[in-house]
Amino acid sequence: MIFLRILIFVALILVGLLILKYTVKIVDTVGHSGWADRYLGMGVGGGSYNMWKLIGIIVIIIGIVILVKGLGFLGY
């Protein structure tokens, strides 16, 4: 069971880091989010980049929490 948690941790850390590294390419591929640009933006299109950075950080935090068994309701 610990092996599964470590595997999920590593996968989520990698996904989170890739999201953080390739934010510009993700926004270019997916497009800008009107909601994010309105509420998270600090300029033209800045909110979409901020949204993807926040998503990457949240993914990393979820990976850490799963590693330390903080999300017991998920069964891990």
C-alpha atoms as a PDB file:
ATOM      1  CA  MET A   1       0.000   0.000   0.000  1.00  0.00           C
ATOM      2  CA  ILE A   2       2.868   2.374   0.708  1.00  0.00           C
ATOM      3  CA  PHE A   3       4.252   1.655  -2.759  1.00  0.00           C
ATOM      4  CA  LEU A   4       0.981   2.796  -4.311  1.00  0.00           C
ATOM      5  CA  ARG A   5       1.006   6.027  -2.297  1.00  0.00           C
ATOM      6  CA  ILE A   6       4.610   6.729  -3.321  1.00  0.00           C
ATOM      7  CA  LEU A   7       3.766   6.014  -6.954  1.00  0.00           C
ATOM      8  CA  ILE A   8       0.782   8.378  -6.855  1.00  0.00           C
ATOM      9  CA  PHE A   9       2.917  10.986  -5.078  1.00  0.00           C
ATOM     10  CA  VAL A  10       5.625  10.856  -7.736  1.00  0.00           C
ATOM     11  CA  ALA A  11       3.066  10.974 -10.554  1.00  0.00           C
ATOM     12  CA  LEU A  12       1.257  13.988  -9.091  1.00  0.00           C
ATOM     13  CA  ILE A  13       4.507  15.825  -8.404  1.00  0.00           C
ATOM     14  CA  LEU A  14       5.596  15.274 -12.003  1.00  0.00           C
ATOM     15  CA  VAL A  15       2.227  16.391 -13.375  1.00  0.00           C
ATOM     16  CA  GLY A  16       2.238  19.473 -11.146  1.00  0.00           C
ATOM     17  CA  LEU A  17       5.769  20.416 -12.158  1.00  0.00           C
ATOM     18  CA  LEU A  18       4.969  19.919 -15.839  1.00  0.00           C
ATOM     19  CA  ILE A  19       1.926  22.166 -15.490  1.00  0.00           C
ATOM     20  CA  LEU A  20       4.082  24.820 -13.838  1.00  0.00           C
ATOM     21  CA  LYS A  21       6.804  24.535 -16.466  1.00  0.00           C
ATOM     22  CA  TYR A  22       4.567  24.483 -19.547  1.00  0.00           C
ATOM     23  CA  THR A  23       1.890  26.965 -18.473  1.00  0.00           C
ATOM     24  CA  VAL A  24       2.330  29.103 -21.588  1.00  0.00           C
ATOM     25  CA  LYS A  25       2.021  26.123 -23.928  1.00  0.00           C
ATOM     26  CA  ILE A  26      -1.059  24.885 -22.051  1.00  0.00           C
ATOM     27  CA  VAL A  27      -2.753  28.279 -22.365  1.00  0.00           C
ATOM     28  CA  ASP A  28      -1.814  28.447 -26.047  1.00  0.00           C
ATOM     29  CA  THR A  29      -3.332  24.988 -26.594  1.00  0.00           C
ATOM     30  CA  VAL A  30      -6.431  25.251 -24.395  1.00  0.00           C
ATOM     31  CA  GLY A  31      -7.063  28.965 -24.772  1.00  0.00           C
ATOM     32  CA  HIS A  32      -7.727  31.757 -22.332  1.00  0.00           C
ATOM     33  CA  SER A  33     -10.320  31.482 -19.589  1.00  0.00           C
ATOM     34  CA  GLY A  34     -12.612  34.470 -19.334  1.00  0.00           C
ATOM     35  CA  TRP A  35     -13.357  33.778 -15.685  1.00  0.00           C
ATOM     36  CA  ALA A  36      -9.695  33.492 -14.763  1.00  0.00           C
ATOM     37  CA  ASP A  37      -8.785  36.592 -16.734  1.00  0.00           C
ATOM     38  CA  ARG A  38     -11.482  38.542 -14.935  1.00  0.00           C
ATOM     39  CA  TYR A  39     -10.798  37.413 -11.366  1.00  0.00           C
ATOM     40  CA  LEU A  40      -7.159  36.321 -11.332  1.00  0.00           C
ATOM     41  CA  GLY A  41      -5.719  38.540 -14.016  1.00  0.00           C
ATOM     42  CA  MET A  42      -3.299  41.383 -13.731  1.00  0.00           C
ATOM     43  CA  GLY A  43      -3.343  42.371 -17.369  1.00  0.00           C
ATOM     44  CA  VAL A  44      -4.412  40.962 -20.693  1.00  0.00           C
ATOM     45  CA  GLY A  45      -4.632  37.184 -20.364  1.00  0.00           C
ATOM     46  CA  GLY A  46      -2.632  37.045 -17.149  1.00  0.00           C
ATOM     47  CA  GLY A  47      -5.389  35.316 -15.231  1.00  0.00           C
ATOM     48  CA  SER A  48      -5.271  32.206 -17.389  1.00  0.00           C
ATOM     49  CA  TYR A  49      -1.589  31.766 -16.649  1.00  0.00           C
ATOM     50  CA  ASN A  50      -2.209  32.324 -12.947  1.00  0.00           C
ATOM     51  CA  MET A  51      -5.037  29.769 -12.985  1.00  0.00           C
ATOM     52  CA  TRP A  52      -2.803  27.081 -14.481  1.00  0.00           C
ATOM     53  CA  LYS A  53      -0.030  27.859 -12.005  1.00  0.00           C
ATOM     54  CA  LEU A  54      -2.526  27.506  -9.140  1.00  0.00           C
ATOM     55  CA  ILE A  55      -3.764  24.201 -10.574  1.00  0.00           C
ATOM     56  CA  GLY A  56      -0.167  22.933 -10.732  1.00  0.00           C
ATOM     57  CA  ILE A  57       0.492  23.944  -7.123  1.00  0.00           C
ATOM     58  CA  ILE A  58      -2.764  22.326  -5.961  1.00  0.00           C
ATOM     59  CA  VAL A  59      -1.840  19.082  -7.753  1.00  0.00           C
ATOM     60  CA  ILE A  60       1.535  19.069  -5.983  1.00  0.00           C
ATOM     61  CA  ILE A  61      -0.111  19.711  -2.600  1.00  0.00           C
ATOM     62  CA  ILE A  62      -2.598  16.883  -3.190  1.00  0.00           C
ATOM     63  CA  GLY A  63       0.341  14.569  -3.985  1.00  0.00           C
ATOM     64  CA  ILE A  64       2.062  15.498  -0.728  1.00  0.00           C
ATOM     65  CA  VAL A  65      -1.139  15.027   1.264  1.00  0.00           C
ATOM     66  CA  ILE A  66      -1.702  11.584  -0.271  1.00  0.00           C
ATOM     67  CA  LEU A  67       1.876  10.618   0.602  1.00  0.00           C
ATOM     68  CA  VAL A  68       1.375  11.486   4.260  1.00  0.00           C
ATOM     69  CA  LYS A  69      -2.042   9.782   4.249  1.00  0.00           C
ATOM     70  CA  GLY A  70      -3.966  12.970   4.871  1.00  0.00           C
ATOM     71  CA  LEU A  71      -6.852  12.085   2.576  1.00  0.00           C
ATOM     72  CA  GLY A  72      -8.187   9.063   4.402  1.00  0.00           C
ATOM     73  CA  PHE A  73     -11.601   9.359   2.759  1.00  0.00           C
ATOM     74  CA  LEU A  74     -10.070   8.438  -0.597  1.00  0.00           C
ATOM     75  CA  GLY A  75      -9.040   5.054   0.717  1.00  0.00           C
ATOM     76  CA  TYR A  76      -5.306   5.516   0.282  1.00  0.00           C
END
